[in-house]
Protein backbone atom coordinates (compact mmCIF):
# COMPACT_ATOMS: atom_id res chain seq x y z
CA MET A 1 20.30 34.19 13.18
CA ASN A 2 22.91 32.32 12.86
CA ILE A 3 23.07 28.25 12.74
CA ILE A 4 24.32 25.02 11.39
CA GLY A 5 22.04 22.55 9.44
CA ILE A 6 23.37 19.47 8.98
CA GLY A 7 21.87 16.50 6.16
CA ASN A 8 18.00 16.49 4.35
CA PRO A 9 16.00 17.49 3.59
CA GLU A 10 17.00 20.11 2.29
CA PHE A 11 13.17 21.72 2.00
CA ALA A 12 13.20 22.35 5.82
CA TYR A 13 16.18 24.68 5.50
CA LYS A 14 14.96 26.79 2.36
CA THR A 15 12.02 27.46 4.88
CA LEU A 16 14.07 28.46 7.65
CA SER A 17 16.11 30.53 4.76
CA LYS A 18 13.40 32.80 4.08
CA MET A 19 12.71 33.62 7.60
CA GLY A 20 16.13 34.99 7.79
CA TYR A 21 18.29 32.41 9.25
CA ARG A 22 22.09 32.58 8.08
CA ILE A 23 22.61 28.13 7.50
CA PHE A 24 25.88 26.97 7.91
CA TYR A 25 24.77 23.72 5.76
CA ILE A 26 26.76 20.44 6.14
CA VAL A 27 25.75 17.24 3.64
CA SER A 28 27.64 14.14 2.89
CA ARG A 29 29.05 13.29 -0.14
CA ASN A 30 26.67 11.27 -1.17
CA GLN A 31 23.85 13.49 -0.68
CA TYR A 32 25.66 16.20 -2.29
CA GLU A 33 26.13 13.77 -5.67
CA LYS A 34 22.87 12.87 -5.80
CA LYS A 35 21.15 16.63 -6.05
CA LYS A 36 21.70 20.11 -6.34
CA PHE A 37 21.95 22.32 -3.48
CA THR A 38 20.58 25.63 -3.36
CA VAL A 39 20.94 26.34 0.11
CA GLY A 40 24.21 27.08 2.24
CA ASP A 41 25.91 30.32 3.28
CA PRO A 42 28.12 28.53 2.75
CA LEU A 43 27.58 24.70 2.15
CA ILE A 44 30.12 22.66 3.73
CA VAL A 45 30.04 18.84 2.02
CA VAL A 46 31.80 16.27 4.15
CA GLU A 47 33.02 12.43 3.68
CA SER A 48 30.04 11.16 6.03
CA TYR A 49 28.57 12.62 9.39
CA SER A 50 30.91 10.43 11.45
CA GLU A 51 32.48 12.37 14.27
CA GLU A 52 36.06 12.43 13.66
CA ASN A 53 34.81 14.41 10.42
CA ILE A 54 32.55 16.65 11.52
CA LYS A 55 33.37 17.97 14.70
CA TRP A 56 36.34 19.95 14.31
CA ILE A 57 34.16 22.08 11.08
CA ILE A 58 31.14 22.26 13.89
CA GLU A 59 33.92 23.61 16.57
CA SER A 60 35.74 25.90 14.01
CA ILE A 61 32.21 27.41 13.12
CA CYS A 62 30.83 27.95 16.35
CA GLN A 63 34.58 29.23 17.11
CA LYS A 64 33.89 32.28 14.85
CA HIS A 65 30.65 33.10 14.55
CA LYS A 66 27.46 33.28 17.23
CA ILE A 67 25.93 29.82 16.58
CA LYS A 68 22.25 29.82 18.05
CA GLY A 69 21.47 26.21 17.58
CA ILE A 70 22.42 23.26 15.67
CA ILE A 71 19.39 21.73 13.56
CA ASN A 72 20.18 17.75 12.67
CA PHE A 73 16.85 16.09 11.21
CA GLU A 74 18.72 12.91 10.08
CA GLU A 75 19.37 9.90 11.96
CA GLU A 76 22.61 8.76 10.40
CA ASN A 77 25.42 9.30 13.00
CA GLN A 78 22.75 11.25 15.40
CA TYR A 79 24.12 10.17 18.46
CA GLU A 80 27.59 11.27 17.53
CA ILE A 81 25.97 14.93 16.67
CA GLN A 82 23.85 15.52 19.84
CA LYS A 83 26.78 14.43 21.65
CA ILE A 84 29.07 17.52 19.84
CA ILE A 85 26.41 19.44 19.94
CA GLN A 86 25.70 18.75 24.46
CA GLN A 87 29.22 19.50 24.26
CA LEU A 88 29.03 22.88 23.15
CA GLY A 89 26.22 23.56 25.29
CA LEU A 90 23.53 23.99 22.75
CA THR A 91 20.40 22.61 23.23
CA SER A 92 19.96 19.03 22.10
CA ILE A 93 18.13 16.02 22.36
CA ASN A 94 18.87 13.66 25.57
CA LEU A 95 21.61 11.40 24.29
CA LYS A 96 19.80 8.21 26.01
CA ALA A 97 16.54 9.12 24.59
CA VAL A 98 19.33 9.00 21.15
CA GLU A 99 21.10 5.66 21.93
CA ILE A 100 17.59 3.52 22.92
CA ALA A 101 15.71 4.82 20.04
CA ASN A 102 18.24 3.88 17.64
CA ASP A 103 18.43 0.77 18.90
CA LYS A 104 15.29 -1.56 17.95
CA PHE A 105 16.64 -4.21 20.70
CA LYS A 106 17.09 -1.51 23.27
CA THR A 107 13.48 0.09 22.51
CA ARG A 108 11.38 -3.15 23.16
CA ARG A 109 13.31 -3.65 26.45
CA LEU A 110 12.09 -0.10 27.71
CA ILE A 111 8.70 -1.01 26.76
CA ASP A 112 9.17 -4.15 28.42
CA ASN A 113 10.18 -1.65 31.80
CA LEU A 114 7.51 0.58 31.18
CA GLY A 115 4.55 -2.55 31.49
CA LEU A 116 3.90 -1.28 27.57
CA ASP A 117 1.85 -4.02 25.26
CA ASN A 118 5.14 -5.90 23.88
CA VAL A 119 5.72 -8.93 21.38
CA PRO A 120 7.95 -11.54 21.62
CA TYR A 121 11.67 -10.24 20.63
CA GLU A 122 15.24 -11.93 20.71
CA LEU A 123 18.77 -10.80 19.47
CA VAL A 124 19.85 -13.57 16.94
CA LYS A 125 23.33 -13.69 15.58
CA ASN A 126 22.75 -16.70 13.15
CA LYS A 127 20.34 -19.37 11.72
CA ASP A 128 19.77 -21.44 14.68
CA GLU A 129 19.05 -18.80 16.96
CA ILE A 130 15.89 -17.48 14.45
CA THR A 131 15.21 -21.33 14.03
CA GLN A 132 14.93 -21.81 17.91
CA PHE A 133 12.86 -18.35 18.17
CA TYR A 134 10.77 -19.10 15.18
CA LYS A 135 9.85 -22.68 16.97
CA TYR A 136 9.26 -21.01 20.35
CA VAL A 137 7.14 -17.95 18.62
CA GLY A 138 5.38 -19.57 15.82
CA SER A 139 4.75 -18.11 12.26
CA PRO A 140 5.19 -15.63 11.43
CA ILE A 141 7.92 -13.49 12.38
CA ILE A 142 9.72 -10.11 11.25
CA VAL A 143 13.66 -10.27 11.23
CA LYS A 144 15.47 -6.48 10.70
CA PRO A 145 18.73 -4.54 11.72
CA ILE A 146 18.68 -3.25 15.52
CA SER A 147 19.44 0.14 13.44
CA GLY A 148 18.33 1.04 10.23
CA THR A 149 15.00 2.99 8.50
CA GLY A 150 12.97 3.15 5.78
CA SER A 151 11.66 -0.42 5.53
CA VAL A 152 15.73 -1.53 4.25
CA ASN A 153 16.37 -5.16 5.09
CA ILE A 154 13.23 -6.51 6.70
CA GLN A 155 12.60 -9.64 6.48
CA LEU A 156 9.21 -11.89 7.10
CA ILE A 157 9.32 -15.57 7.89
CA ASP A 158 5.95 -17.60 7.47
CA SER A 159 7.43 -20.90 6.21
CA ASP A 160 9.39 -23.54 6.87
CA ILE A 161 10.80 -22.70 3.25
CA SER A 162 11.38 -18.94 3.91
CA LEU A 163 12.94 -20.03 7.34
CA GLN A 164 15.26 -22.18 5.41
CA ASN A 165 15.90 -19.55 2.86
CA PHE A 166 16.68 -17.12 5.28
CA LYS A 167 20.54 -15.61 4.65
CA ILE A 168 21.73 -13.54 8.15
CA ASP A 169 24.96 -11.34 7.87
CA GLU A 170 24.78 -9.70 11.05
CA THR A 171 23.20 -9.71 14.49
CA CYS A 172 19.23 -8.50 14.32
CA ILE A 173 16.11 -8.41 16.38
CA ALA A 174 13.74 -11.05 15.87
CA GLU A 175 9.81 -10.50 16.53
CA GLN A 176 6.88 -11.96 16.57
CA TYR A 177 4.66 -10.17 13.36
CA ILE A 178 2.20 -7.51 14.66
CA SER A 179 -0.62 -7.87 12.87
CA GLY A 180 -3.59 -4.98 12.72
CA GLU A 181 -3.46 -1.36 11.10
CA GLU A 182 -0.27 0.65 11.18
CA TYR A 183 0.11 4.50 12.28
CA SER A 184 2.29 6.94 12.82
CA VAL A 185 2.55 9.54 15.65
CA GLU A 186 4.50 13.10 15.44
CA CYS A 187 4.68 14.54 18.54
CA ILE A 188 7.05 17.59 19.58
CA SER A 189 8.33 17.62 23.55
CA ILE A 190 9.37 21.07 25.67
CA ASN A 191 10.45 21.01 28.56
CA GLY A 192 9.35 17.71 29.04
CA VAL A 193 5.69 18.44 27.77
CA HIS A 194 4.65 16.36 24.95
CA HIS A 195 2.47 17.69 22.38
CA LEU A 196 0.59 15.66 19.87
CA LEU A 197 1.17 17.47 16.05
CA GLY A 198 -0.59 14.50 14.05
CA ILE A 199 -1.82 10.75 13.55
CA THR A 200 -0.76 9.36 10.39
CA ASP A 201 -2.83 6.50 8.77
CA LYS A 202 -0.31 4.07 7.03
CA GLU A 203 -0.73 1.87 3.84
CA ILE A 204 1.81 -0.47 3.06
CA THR A 205 2.67 -2.76 0.45
CA GLY A 206 2.98 -5.75 2.89
CA ILE A 207 5.01 -9.18 1.66
CA PRO A 208 7.82 -8.96 1.20
CA TYR A 209 9.37 -5.89 1.20
CA PHE A 210 6.94 -3.85 3.86
CA VAL A 211 7.20 -0.36 1.92
CA GLU A 212 4.86 2.34 2.78
CA ARG A 213 2.89 3.23 -0.64
CA GLN A 214 0.55 6.13 1.41
CA HIS A 215 0.08 8.33 4.06
CA VAL A 216 -3.10 10.45 5.73
CA VAL A 217 -2.47 12.62 8.31
CA ASN A 218 -5.74 12.98 10.64
CA GLY A 219 -7.44 10.05 9.18
CA VAL A 220 -9.23 7.27 10.57
CA GLY A 221 -6.15 7.07 13.46
CA VAL A 222 -7.63 10.11 15.10
CA GLU A 223 -10.26 7.88 16.29
CA TYR A 224 -7.68 6.24 18.96
CA LYS A 225 -6.01 9.54 19.98
CA LYS A 226 -6.90 8.89 23.81
CA LEU A 227 -5.39 5.41 23.49
CA ILE A 228 -2.43 7.05 21.81
CA LYS A 229 -1.74 9.85 23.91
CA GLU A 230 -1.73 7.53 26.89
CA LYS A 231 0.64 5.05 25.19
CA VAL A 232 2.64 7.15 23.44
CA PHE A 233 3.20 9.70 25.60
CA LYS A 234 4.85 7.17 28.50
CA LEU A 235 7.02 6.03 25.85
CA LEU A 236 8.18 9.23 25.44
CA ASP A 237 8.65 10.02 29.68
CA GLY A 238 10.37 6.61 29.77
CA LEU A 239 12.69 7.99 26.73
CA GLN A 240 13.55 11.14 28.70
CA LEU A 241 12.78 13.38 26.25
CA LYS A 242 13.01 16.57 27.61
CA ASP A 243 13.45 18.57 24.29
CA GLY A 244 12.75 17.13 20.92
CA ILE A 245 10.77 15.69 18.14
CA SER A 246 9.18 12.05 17.80
CA HIS A 247 8.44 10.14 15.08
CA THR A 248 6.70 6.79 17.05
CA GLU A 249 5.01 3.53 14.52
CA ILE A 250 2.82 1.75 16.13
CA LYS A 251 -0.13 -0.92 15.04
CA ILE A 252 -4.02 -1.21 16.77
CA ASN A 253 -5.25 -4.61 17.01
CA LYS A 254 -8.34 -4.84 19.10
CA ASN A 255 -8.14 -1.72 20.55
CA ASN A 256 -4.49 -2.78 22.06
CA LEU A 257 -1.37 -0.72 20.74
CA TYR A 258 1.65 -1.90 19.43
CA PHE A 259 4.93 -0.57 19.29
CA VAL A 260 6.80 -1.19 16.05
CA GLU A 261 9.64 1.79 16.29
CA VAL A 262 9.97 4.47 17.59
CA HIS A 263 12.82 7.67 16.23
CA VAL A 264 13.68 10.83 18.15
CA ARG A 265 13.71 12.96 14.46
CA PRO A 266 10.71 13.80 12.30
CA GLY A 267 9.08 11.37 10.40
CA GLY A 268 10.39 11.03 6.80
CA ASP A 269 8.21 10.57 3.48
CA CYS A 270 7.45 14.12 3.38
CA ILE A 271 5.15 13.59 6.73
CA MET A 272 5.79 17.14 7.63
CA ASP A 273 4.55 18.65 5.17
CA LEU A 274 1.48 17.01 5.59
CA VAL A 275 1.43 17.92 9.40
CA GLU A 276 1.83 21.43 8.51
CA LYS A 277 -0.86 21.44 5.98
CA SER A 278 -3.25 19.74 8.98
CA ILE A 279 -2.59 22.02 11.48
CA GLY A 280 -1.32 24.85 10.23
CA LEU A 281 1.66 25.12 11.67
CA ASN A 282 5.40 23.77 10.11
CA PRO A 283 6.94 20.97 12.46
CA TYR A 284 10.49 21.97 11.23
CA VAL A 285 10.04 25.57 12.30
CA LEU A 286 8.91 24.65 15.52
CA LEU A 287 12.08 22.55 15.97
CA THR A 288 14.49 24.83 15.05
CA THR A 289 12.44 27.44 17.18
CA LEU A 290 13.17 25.05 20.26
CA PHE A 291 17.15 24.24 19.27
CA THR A 292 17.42 27.86 19.40
CA GLU A 293 16.21 28.82 22.85
CA GLN A 294 13.63 30.90 22.10
CA ARG A 295 11.49 29.13 23.98
CA LYS A 296 8.86 32.59 24.63
CA THR A 297 8.02 32.47 20.72
CA LEU A 298 7.69 28.64 20.82
CA GLU A 299 4.87 28.81 23.53
CA LYS A 300 2.67 31.18 21.48
CA LEU A 301 3.32 28.86 18.12
CA ILE A 302 2.31 25.87 20.00
CA MET A 303 -1.30 27.79 21.27
CA LYS A 304 -1.90 28.14 17.29
CA ILE A 305 -1.88 24.64 17.02
CA SER A 306 -5.34 24.20 14.87
CA ASP A 307 -7.76 22.23 17.01
CA LYS A 308 -9.92 21.19 13.39
CA PRO A 309 -7.18 19.97 11.44
CA ILE A 310 -7.92 19.19 7.92
CA THR A 311 -7.45 15.40 6.35
CA VAL A 312 -4.31 15.47 4.09
CA GLY A 313 -2.57 12.90 2.44
CA ILE A 314 0.31 11.47 0.02
CA ARG A 315 0.50 8.56 -2.51
CA TYR A 316 3.76 7.17 -3.75
CA LEU A 317 3.18 6.19 -7.40
CA GLN A 318 4.36 2.50 -8.02
CA HIS A 319 4.69 1.75 -11.82
CA LYS A 320 5.61 -1.80 -13.49
CA TYR A 321 9.88 -1.38 -13.26
CA GLY A 322 11.52 -0.76 -16.59
CA LYS A 323 12.94 1.90 -18.83
CA ILE A 324 10.50 4.51 -19.31
CA SER A 325 9.24 4.78 -22.70
CA SER A 326 6.20 7.33 -22.38
CA ILE A 327 4.94 9.92 -19.92
CA ASN A 328 1.72 11.04 -20.06
CA ILE A 329 0.90 13.08 -17.19
CA ASN A 330 -2.22 15.80 -17.30
CA GLU A 331 -0.68 18.59 -15.64
CA GLU A 332 -3.25 20.77 -16.04
CA ALA A 333 -6.37 18.70 -15.27
CA ILE A 334 -4.40 17.42 -12.05
CA LYS A 335 -3.90 21.61 -11.07
CA ASN A 336 -7.61 21.81 -11.32
CA THR A 337 -8.27 18.52 -8.90
CA LYS A 338 -10.19 19.75 -5.89
CA GLY A 339 -7.81 19.26 -3.20
CA PHE A 340 -4.76 18.31 -5.32
CA PHE A 341 -1.79 19.92 -2.94
CA ARG A 342 1.18 19.26 -4.55
CA MET A 343 3.25 16.90 -7.01
CA TYR A 344 6.55 15.15 -7.41
CA ASN A 345 7.50 14.58 -11.11
CA PRO A 346 11.03 12.57 -11.80
CA TYR A 347 10.23 10.91 -14.74
CA GLU A 348 12.32 11.22 -17.34
CA ILE A 349 12.71 9.01 -21.23
CA ASN A 350 15.15 6.48 -21.04
CA THR A 351 15.38 6.19 -17.40
CA TYR A 352 14.62 3.04 -15.07
CA THR A 353 11.20 3.05 -13.12
CA HIS A 354 12.32 2.14 -8.91
CA GLN A 355 11.33 -1.29 -7.91
CA PHE A 356 10.02 -0.59 -4.92
CA LYS A 357 12.03 -2.51 -2.36
CA SER A 358 12.40 0.12 0.31
CA SER A 359 11.55 3.36 1.04
CA PHE A 360 14.69 4.72 -0.84
CA ASP A 361 13.60 2.92 -3.64
CA ARG A 362 10.38 5.03 -5.46
CA ASP A 363 9.08 7.54 -7.89
CA GLY A 364 7.20 10.30 -7.79
CA TRP A 365 4.13 11.13 -5.32
CA ILE A 366 1.45 13.16 -5.13
CA MET A 367 -0.17 15.38 -2.64
CA ALA A 368 -4.51 15.93 -1.63
CA TYR A 369 -6.32 17.04 1.22
CA GLY A 370 -9.92 17.29 2.05
CA LYS A 371 -12.83 16.81 4.80
CA ASN A 372 -11.89 13.11 5.64
CA LYS A 373 -10.10 10.58 4.89
CA GLU A 374 -12.26 8.85 2.06
CA GLU A 375 -12.01 12.15 0.70
CA VAL A 376 -8.19 12.76 0.28
CA VAL A 377 -8.31 9.68 -0.71
CA ALA A 378 -11.06 9.29 -3.53
CA THR A 379 -8.62 12.74 -4.85
CA LEU A 380 -5.58 11.11 -5.09
CA ASP A 381 -6.84 7.96 -6.91
CA SER A 382 -8.57 10.49 -9.46
CA ILE A 383 -5.03 12.76 -9.54
CA GLU A 384 -3.36 9.20 -9.97
CA SER A 385 -5.31 8.16 -13.10
CA LEU A 386 -4.22 10.98 -15.07
CA ILE A 387 -0.88 9.89 -14.90
CA ASN A 388 0.21 7.15 -17.09
CA ILE A 389 4.03 5.69 -17.19
CA GLU A 390 5.04 3.16 -19.70
CA VAL A 391 8.08 1.12 -19.52
CA LYS A 392 9.42 -1.27 -21.77
C-alpha cells in the first residue's frame, strides 16, 4: 500500500515500512541535516513544509501512484498540509479543528463558548497591554506565543521586577497562571467517536522554562478518568474532530479541570511509545489505518485496547551544562534492571550538554514500566543513578 509520509518522527514510519507500506517520505532540509534518515522510497527533501514547496510534489506523486493516504504527524504548516489532503479527496483532519487547535487564543475562546472551566486570558501586543492584564488579573501570569510547541518562549511574570524586565516582540496570549497537577490526554477520534488511549502524568521543571522532564502513562491521572473523559471529549466535540488523533494538556486543581492546550496531532516526547507499551497498540499504526480508510481493520484494532494497561514512564536526563569530559554508563546493569524498557544515549566526549530551556533542548532519556507509578519512578531513579556524565 502506497502512502505519503511527512516529517518526524521517523521511527513511526519505520514501523509502517516493516508492515509493508511503501512510503514516499517528505522531510524538511532542517530535519535532513540533523540526522541520517533510513526510511523513504523515495526520500524527498524540501526547503520547508510551506504549501508552495510541497503541494506540487504531493500532487505529482498522487498522479503517478495510487496513494491510499497522506500521513502527517507534525504541527508545522499543519493547516496547509491538511488542506492539500482534503483537496485530493483523502481522509484528513477537519480544517476548523486544526485552525483552532493551532491558535491558543481561538482555543481559549472555544473553551468559553463550550461552558468549560477557563482562566482569564487576553491577546497582548505590547508591554502596556501586558501591564494592564497583569494588574487586572494579579500575579502570576503566563505569556506565550499564539502558536508553537515544546515550551518555547513561554514566560512567567510573577513580580513587578519580572514585569519590568519582560520584552515582547510579537502578538502573544497572556493567561492567568494555572496551578495544580499537570496531565496530558491522548485520544483517537473515529467517525466523531472519541477513544481514550492514555492519561499521562507530567513532571515539569517549573520556573523559568517549564520544560517537561518526566512522563508517566497510566499513573495517578487515571484517578480522574471519568472527569477527564467528560471534559476533554466535550472539547473535542467542540473542535468537530471527526477523524484524527489528539494530545490535550490539562491541569487539575481541587477536582476542577483546566485546559492548558490542545493539539490535533500525536503527543511528542515519546508519549506514543509509552502508550503503545501501556495498551498494547501503536497509536501511529491506528492513525495510519484510519487515514488509509481501513475502517473495518481499525474497528478490530480498537477492540484490542487493553482494559488493564500497564504503567510506563520516560525521564529526560538533566546534566550540568558544559563540555563532556567523562561518560560512565553501566549499560549491563541498566539492561538487567527489572522494568527497564529503553534508553537513548547521545553522549560523546568533547560535545556539549544541553541547557534544558525547551523540549528541543534536552539530552538522553530512559524508559521503564511497572505495576504503578511509584514502582516506575523508583526504577527510573535506579537507572539514572547508573549514568554519570561529567562536564568541564
